[in-house]
Amino acid sequence: MLGFNEPEFLSQLASTVALRPQIEELVDRLVDEGFDNLFLVGAGGTYAQMWPYEHLARRSSTLSVRSVIAAELIVSGDASLGERSVAIFTSVSGTTDDSLRAIEYCKAKGVYTIGFTGYPESPIAQNVDIALISEPKAWPFDQQMLLFIGRLLSRRGEFDGYEKLADELANIPQVLLEVAKQADSAASDFAEAHKDTDYHFLVGGGNLWGFTYLYSMCILEEMQWLRTTRVHSAEFFHGSLELLEENTSVIIFQGEDETRALTDRVESFAKRISKDVTVFDTRDYPLDGISPEFRGLLAPLVLDTVMGRVSKHLERVRDHSLDLRRYYRVMDY
C-alpha cells in the first residue's frame, strides 16, 4: 500500500496495547487511593482525541470526567482542579508546548499528572508524575485511553465488559491492518475524485465527533491546506446546513453507537442536496475478533485507520506532503 510500513504499523500498535498491565496497575492505585475528578488535557488533535472518552464516561459514570484545551485551562483555570484531581496528557513528540505549560500549571495545583508518549526522555515524559511509553510515533492514543477509562469504569462498577474488551484489544494491530487493506481502494478512489476539491463539509457525532474535528482541522486544514466546515450531527440542522450546495463535498463519519440515528438523518438530508456525499462507515469493516458490543467503542480507531489511507492518497494526487507546514512550528507565535 502507498506510504504504508506494515511492520512499523503493527509494532507501534502492539506497543500501545502492551501498556495494559501498567495502565491497570495505575488505575487500580488511583481508585484505591481515591480522587474526585479526571481531566483529559490536550492541544489540537490530542484534545479532540480525548472527546470519545469524556463521552464514554459521561454516559456511563457519575465520576466527573472532562476534556479541556491545555492553553485555555492555564488562562481560565477550573474551580474543581486541585489536589484530588488527576490529569492525563498525550503527545506523540512529547514536546507540545501548550501541554507542557498545562502540566506545570496542574502540578502547581497539586494535581496528579499522567503522560502517554513515545519518548521517555521527552519534556512531557520527564515532567509528569508518571509516563507510560509506547514506541516512538505511535498514533493514535485511543487504545491507551480506552484501556484507562474502561478499567476505571470497571473498578467503579460501571462497566461489566472491561476484561473481555481488554483481551480483545490485544488483537487490534491485526484487526486494523485488515481495515487499512480493505479501505485502500476506496481511499484512492476518493482522492482521485477530489484531487481539485478545495472545500469539504464534515459531519460526525457521538464518539466520532472528536475524530471529525481532528480530521477536519489537523489533516485537511493543517496538512493539506484545504478549507473545511465541521459540524456535529446533532447540530447539523441548526445553521451549517445552509452551506450545502449541489457540488459540495460532504464527508460523513458513521459509527455504531447510540447516536447513529442522528448521523443517518444528516446523510439522508445531505443526499437530497449534494451530489457529492461520501460516507465512511465502520459497519463496512468485519473487525474479526472484536465482539459486537464493542464495535461502537472502536469507531474512532477504525476511522482513523481508514482516513489514514485517504490522507496518503490525497498527498499523492495533490502533490502536497502531509509534513509540509507554513506556520505550525515554523514561525514564532
Protein backbone atom coordinates (compact mmCIF):
# COMPACT_ATOMS: atom_id res chain seq x y z
CA MET A 1 0.00 0.00 0.00
CA LEU A 2 1.09 3.53 -0.76
CA GLY A 3 3.22 5.02 2.02
CA PHE A 4 2.42 2.16 4.39
CA ASN A 5 5.04 0.42 6.52
CA GLU A 6 3.27 -2.73 7.70
CA PRO A 7 5.86 -3.94 10.24
CA GLU A 8 6.06 -0.49 11.81
CA PHE A 9 2.24 -0.16 11.86
CA LEU A 10 1.86 -3.48 13.66
CA SER A 11 4.73 -2.86 16.06
CA GLN A 12 3.56 0.61 17.07
CA LEU A 13 0.01 -0.53 17.74
CA ALA A 14 1.24 -3.57 19.66
CA SER A 15 3.32 -1.29 21.87
CA THR A 16 0.23 0.70 22.86
CA VAL A 17 -1.91 -2.26 23.92
CA ALA A 18 1.12 -3.79 25.65
CA LEU A 19 0.74 -0.99 28.19
CA ARG A 20 -2.34 -2.73 29.60
CA PRO A 21 -0.65 -4.06 32.79
CA GLN A 22 0.86 -0.66 33.57
CA ILE A 23 -2.42 1.13 32.90
CA GLU A 24 -4.39 -1.28 35.06
CA GLU A 25 -1.89 -1.05 37.92
CA LEU A 26 -2.05 2.75 37.74
CA VAL A 27 -5.85 2.90 37.61
CA ASP A 28 -6.18 0.45 40.49
CA ARG A 29 -3.83 2.51 42.64
CA LEU A 30 -5.67 5.74 41.85
CA VAL A 31 -9.04 4.19 42.66
CA ASP A 32 -7.74 2.67 45.89
CA GLU A 33 -6.24 5.98 46.99
CA GLY A 34 -9.29 7.93 45.85
CA PHE A 35 -9.69 11.02 43.66
CA ASP A 36 -12.57 13.34 42.82
CA ASN A 37 -12.28 14.15 39.12
CA LEU A 38 -10.36 13.42 35.95
CA PHE A 39 -9.17 15.96 33.40
CA LEU A 40 -8.26 14.87 29.85
CA VAL A 41 -5.93 17.62 28.65
CA GLY A 42 -4.79 18.11 25.09
CA ALA A 43 -3.95 20.56 22.32
CA GLY A 44 -5.27 20.31 18.78
CA GLY A 45 -5.52 16.66 17.76
CA THR A 46 -4.75 15.31 21.21
CA TYR A 47 -7.53 17.46 22.65
CA ALA A 48 -10.01 16.16 20.06
CA GLN A 49 -8.87 12.61 20.69
CA MET A 50 -9.94 12.94 24.33
CA TRP A 51 -13.59 13.57 23.47
CA PRO A 52 -14.67 9.95 22.90
CA TYR A 53 -13.51 9.09 26.42
CA GLU A 54 -15.20 12.04 28.03
CA HIS A 55 -18.29 10.93 26.08
CA LEU A 56 -17.95 7.34 27.33
CA ALA A 57 -17.53 8.45 30.94
CA ARG A 58 -20.35 10.97 30.74
CA ARG A 59 -22.89 8.40 29.60
CA SER A 60 -21.61 5.60 31.83
CA SER A 61 -20.27 7.12 35.04
CA THR A 62 -21.09 9.54 37.83
CA LEU A 63 -17.40 10.49 38.07
CA SER A 64 -16.59 13.95 36.76
CA VAL A 65 -14.51 13.47 33.61
CA ARG A 66 -13.93 16.37 31.27
CA SER A 67 -11.72 17.13 28.29
CA VAL A 68 -10.06 20.53 28.29
CA ILE A 69 -7.83 22.59 26.00
CA ALA A 70 -4.41 22.94 27.58
CA ALA A 71 -3.91 26.62 26.78
CA GLU A 72 -7.39 27.59 27.95
CA LEU A 73 -7.02 25.68 31.21
CA ILE A 74 -3.95 27.74 32.05
CA VAL A 75 -5.59 31.12 31.50
CA SER A 76 -9.13 30.34 32.68
CA GLY A 77 -8.49 27.78 35.39
CA ASP A 78 -11.06 25.37 36.77
CA ALA A 79 -12.59 25.63 40.23
CA SER A 80 -12.64 21.85 40.63
CA LEU A 81 -8.96 21.34 39.76
CA GLY A 82 -6.90 20.54 42.84
CA GLU A 83 -5.09 18.02 44.98
CA ARG A 84 -7.79 15.36 44.49
CA SER A 85 -7.68 15.71 40.70
CA VAL A 86 -5.98 13.51 38.09
CA ALA A 87 -4.97 14.84 34.66
CA ILE A 88 -3.97 12.85 31.57
CA PHE A 89 -1.81 14.31 28.80
CA THR A 90 -0.95 12.74 25.43
CA SER A 91 1.70 13.85 22.96
CA VAL A 92 3.28 12.00 20.05
CA SER A 93 6.50 14.02 20.25
CA GLY A 94 6.41 14.66 23.98
CA THR A 95 7.27 18.31 23.27
CA THR A 96 3.90 20.07 22.81
CA ASP A 97 4.40 23.48 24.40
CA ASP A 98 0.80 24.10 25.47
CA SER A 99 0.66 20.71 27.15
CA LEU A 100 3.98 21.26 28.91
CA ARG A 101 2.75 24.54 30.36
CA ALA A 102 -0.52 22.87 31.39
CA ILE A 103 1.42 20.13 33.19
CA GLU A 104 3.29 22.78 35.16
CA TYR A 105 0.01 24.54 35.94
CA CYS A 106 -1.65 21.33 37.12
CA LYS A 107 1.28 20.26 39.25
CA ALA A 108 1.31 23.65 40.93
CA LYS A 109 -2.30 22.91 41.94
CA GLY A 110 -1.32 19.54 43.40
CA VAL A 111 -2.88 17.54 40.53
CA TYR A 112 -1.55 14.04 39.83
CA THR A 113 -0.35 14.06 36.21
CA ILE A 114 -0.12 11.17 33.73
CA GLY A 115 1.52 11.25 30.31
CA PHE A 116 1.26 8.99 27.27
CA THR A 117 4.02 9.46 24.69
CA GLY A 118 6.59 7.55 22.69
CA TYR A 119 9.70 9.27 24.01
CA PRO A 120 10.85 8.56 27.59
CA GLU A 121 13.39 11.40 27.57
CA SER A 122 10.95 13.98 26.19
CA PRO A 123 9.96 17.02 28.26
CA ILE A 124 6.41 15.76 28.79
CA ALA A 125 7.58 12.32 29.92
CA GLN A 126 10.07 13.93 32.29
CA ASN A 127 7.62 16.41 33.80
CA VAL A 128 4.52 14.30 34.53
CA ASP A 129 4.25 12.25 37.71
CA ILE A 130 4.09 9.05 35.68
CA ALA A 131 4.76 8.44 31.99
CA LEU A 132 3.57 5.41 30.05
CA ILE A 133 5.74 4.94 27.00
CA SER A 134 4.82 3.30 23.70
CA GLU A 135 7.03 3.08 20.61
CA PRO A 136 8.05 6.40 19.04
CA LYS A 137 5.41 8.00 16.78
CA ALA A 138 2.72 5.51 17.82
CA TRP A 139 -0.66 7.01 16.99
CA PRO A 140 -3.49 7.24 17.88
CA PHE A 141 -3.84 7.18 21.68
CA ASP A 142 -7.33 5.65 21.60
CA GLN A 143 -6.12 2.24 22.76
CA GLN A 144 -4.45 3.63 25.86
CA MET A 145 -7.39 5.89 26.65
CA LEU A 146 -9.91 3.09 26.16
CA LEU A 147 -7.92 0.83 28.48
CA PHE A 148 -7.60 3.58 31.08
CA ILE A 149 -11.25 4.69 31.05
CA GLY A 150 -12.51 1.13 30.67
CA ARG A 151 -10.54 -0.06 33.70
CA LEU A 152 -11.62 2.98 35.68
CA LEU A 153 -15.30 2.41 34.95
CA SER A 154 -14.89 -1.29 35.68
CA ARG A 155 -13.37 -0.62 39.10
CA ARG A 156 -16.28 1.72 39.83
CA GLY A 157 -18.82 -0.95 38.88
CA GLU A 158 -19.89 0.98 35.79
CA PHE A 159 -18.56 -1.27 33.00
CA ASP A 160 -19.03 -5.04 33.24
CA GLY A 161 -17.28 -5.97 29.99
CA TYR A 162 -13.85 -4.50 30.57
CA GLU A 163 -11.82 -7.71 30.86
CA LYS A 164 -13.29 -9.09 27.66
CA LEU A 165 -12.70 -5.80 25.83
CA ALA A 166 -9.12 -5.52 27.06
CA ASP A 167 -8.39 -9.10 25.98
CA GLU A 168 -9.78 -8.38 22.51
CA LEU A 169 -7.75 -5.18 22.18
CA ALA A 170 -4.64 -7.39 22.06
CA ASN A 171 -5.80 -8.27 18.53
CA ILE A 172 -6.15 -4.65 17.44
CA PRO A 173 -2.92 -4.42 15.39
CA GLN A 174 -4.02 -7.21 13.05
CA VAL A 175 -7.64 -6.02 13.07
CA LEU A 176 -6.63 -2.54 11.96
CA LEU A 177 -4.17 -3.88 9.40
CA GLU A 178 -7.09 -5.61 7.70
CA VAL A 179 -9.09 -2.38 7.90
CA ALA A 180 -6.28 -0.49 6.18
CA LYS A 181 -6.04 -3.07 3.41
CA GLN A 182 -9.80 -3.08 2.83
CA ALA A 183 -10.01 0.73 2.85
CA ASP A 184 -7.15 1.42 0.47
CA SER A 185 -9.01 1.10 -2.81
CA ALA A 186 -11.91 3.32 -1.74
CA ALA A 187 -9.42 5.79 -0.29
CA SER A 188 -7.62 6.00 -3.62
CA ASP A 189 -10.92 6.49 -5.45
CA PHE A 190 -11.96 9.29 -3.09
CA ALA A 191 -8.64 11.07 -3.53
CA GLU A 192 -8.74 10.80 -7.31
CA ALA A 193 -12.29 12.17 -7.39
CA HIS A 194 -11.37 15.07 -5.09
CA LYS A 195 -7.96 15.99 -6.38
CA ASP A 196 -9.09 19.55 -7.12
CA THR A 197 -11.74 19.92 -4.40
CA ASP A 198 -10.79 22.84 -2.20
CA TYR A 199 -13.63 22.67 0.34
CA HIS A 200 -15.10 19.78 2.35
CA PHE A 201 -18.04 19.70 4.77
CA LEU A 202 -17.51 17.08 7.51
CA VAL A 203 -20.13 15.58 9.83
CA GLY A 204 -19.88 13.15 12.73
CA GLY A 205 -21.49 12.54 16.09
CA GLY A 206 -21.20 10.61 19.34
CA ASN A 207 -17.74 9.24 19.93
CA LEU A 208 -16.80 10.20 16.35
CA TRP A 209 -17.28 13.92 16.82
CA GLY A 210 -13.74 14.27 18.13
CA PHE A 211 -12.35 12.46 15.10
CA THR A 212 -14.48 14.63 12.80
CA TYR A 213 -12.98 17.75 14.36
CA LEU A 214 -9.49 16.25 14.22
CA TYR A 215 -9.63 15.17 10.58
CA SER A 216 -11.08 18.49 9.50
CA MET A 217 -8.63 20.71 11.37
CA CYS A 218 -5.47 18.65 11.79
CA ILE A 219 -5.42 16.80 8.47
CA LEU A 220 -7.37 18.60 5.76
CA GLU A 221 -6.61 22.10 7.03
CA GLU A 222 -3.18 21.77 8.64
CA MET A 223 -1.68 19.08 6.44
CA GLN A 224 -3.40 19.79 3.10
CA TRP A 225 -4.33 23.49 3.40
CA LEU A 226 -7.92 22.78 2.42
CA ARG A 227 -10.92 24.75 3.64
CA THR A 228 -13.46 22.84 5.69
CA THR A 229 -16.59 23.12 7.77
CA ARG A 230 -17.11 20.60 10.59
CA VAL A 231 -20.39 20.12 12.42
CA HIS A 232 -21.76 17.67 14.97
CA SER A 233 -24.56 15.55 13.51
CA ALA A 234 -26.86 16.61 16.37
CA GLU A 235 -26.24 20.28 15.45
CA PHE A 236 -26.33 19.95 11.67
CA PHE A 237 -29.86 21.30 11.34
CA HIS A 238 -29.10 24.43 13.34
CA GLY A 239 -27.14 26.56 10.91
CA SER A 240 -24.38 24.88 8.94
CA LEU A 241 -26.72 23.01 6.59
CA GLU A 242 -27.27 26.32 4.75
CA LEU A 243 -23.78 25.94 3.27
CA LEU A 244 -24.72 22.84 1.27
CA GLU A 245 -24.98 23.13 -2.49
CA GLU A 246 -25.24 20.64 -5.29
CA ASN A 247 -21.46 20.30 -5.70
CA THR A 248 -20.44 20.50 -2.02
CA SER A 249 -18.19 17.65 -0.93
CA VAL A 250 -19.83 16.22 2.20
CA ILE A 251 -17.84 13.69 4.24
CA ILE A 252 -19.87 11.78 6.82
CA PHE A 253 -18.28 9.66 9.55
CA GLN A 254 -20.68 6.99 10.74
CA GLY A 255 -20.18 4.76 13.75
CA GLU A 256 -22.15 2.18 15.67
CA ASP A 257 -23.09 3.82 18.95
CA GLU A 258 -26.43 5.17 20.10
CA THR A 259 -26.00 8.38 18.08
CA ARG A 260 -26.01 6.59 14.73
CA ALA A 261 -29.58 7.66 14.00
CA LEU A 262 -28.56 11.33 14.26
CA THR A 263 -25.94 10.86 11.57
CA ASP A 264 -28.33 8.80 9.43
CA ARG A 265 -30.67 11.79 9.43
CA VAL A 266 -27.87 14.06 8.20
CA GLU A 267 -26.92 11.61 5.46
CA SER A 268 -30.48 11.39 4.23
CA PHE A 269 -30.80 15.17 4.04
CA ALA A 270 -27.36 15.81 2.55
CA LYS A 271 -28.04 13.40 -0.31
CA ARG A 272 -31.13 15.39 -1.21
CA ILE A 273 -28.98 18.48 -1.79
CA SER A 274 -25.47 17.42 -2.79
CA LYS A 275 -24.36 15.00 -5.47
CA ASP A 276 -21.04 14.53 -3.71
CA VAL A 277 -21.73 12.79 -0.37
CA THR A 278 -19.17 10.25 0.89
CA VAL A 279 -19.97 8.09 3.91
CA PHE A 280 -17.17 6.35 5.80
CA ASP A 281 -18.99 3.77 7.93
CA THR A 282 -17.40 1.43 10.46
CA ARG A 283 -20.10 -1.15 9.69
CA ASP A 284 -18.32 -1.84 6.41
CA TYR A 285 -15.40 -3.50 8.23
CA PRO A 286 -15.61 -7.02 9.72
CA LEU A 287 -13.27 -6.41 12.70
CA ASP A 288 -12.71 -10.12 13.18
CA GLY A 289 -12.05 -10.93 16.82
CA ILE A 290 -13.98 -7.94 18.15
CA SER A 291 -17.31 -8.66 19.86
CA PRO A 292 -20.39 -6.85 18.51
CA GLU A 293 -20.94 -4.97 21.76
CA PHE A 294 -17.51 -3.31 21.48
CA ARG A 295 -17.63 -2.25 17.84
CA GLY A 296 -19.10 1.14 18.70
CA LEU A 297 -16.29 1.87 21.15
CA LEU A 298 -13.68 1.19 18.48
CA ALA A 299 -15.19 3.52 15.86
CA PRO A 300 -12.56 6.28 16.32
CA LEU A 301 -9.75 3.75 15.87
CA VAL A 302 -11.32 2.20 12.79
CA LEU A 303 -11.95 5.50 11.04
CA ASP A 304 -8.53 6.84 11.98
CA THR A 305 -7.12 3.87 10.07
CA VAL A 306 -9.49 4.31 7.12
CA MET A 307 -8.83 8.01 6.82
CA GLY A 308 -5.11 7.44 7.19
CA ARG A 309 -5.30 5.75 3.81
CA VAL A 310 -7.35 8.65 2.41
CA SER A 311 -4.72 11.09 3.66
CA LYS A 312 -1.87 9.26 1.96
CA HIS A 313 -3.73 9.19 -1.35
CA LEU A 314 -4.65 12.87 -1.07
CA GLU A 315 -0.96 13.57 -0.51
CA ARG A 316 -0.21 11.69 -3.73
CA VAL A 317 -2.85 13.15 -6.05
CA ARG A 318 -2.44 16.71 -4.76
CA ASP A 319 1.38 16.52 -4.64
CA HIS A 320 1.20 18.10 -1.19
CA SER A 321 3.23 16.46 1.56
CA LEU A 322 1.43 15.75 4.81
CA ASP A 323 4.56 17.04 6.57
CA LEU A 324 4.54 20.46 4.89
CA ARG A 325 3.69 23.45 7.10
CA ARG A 326 3.72 27.19 6.55
CA TYR A 327 3.25 28.33 10.14
CA TYR A 328 2.89 25.49 12.67
CA ARG A 329 6.24 25.05 14.46
CA VAL A 330 7.74 27.15 11.66
CA MET A 331 7.01 30.67 12.88
CA ASP A 332 7.04 32.07 16.39
CA TYR A 333 3.60 32.79 17.85
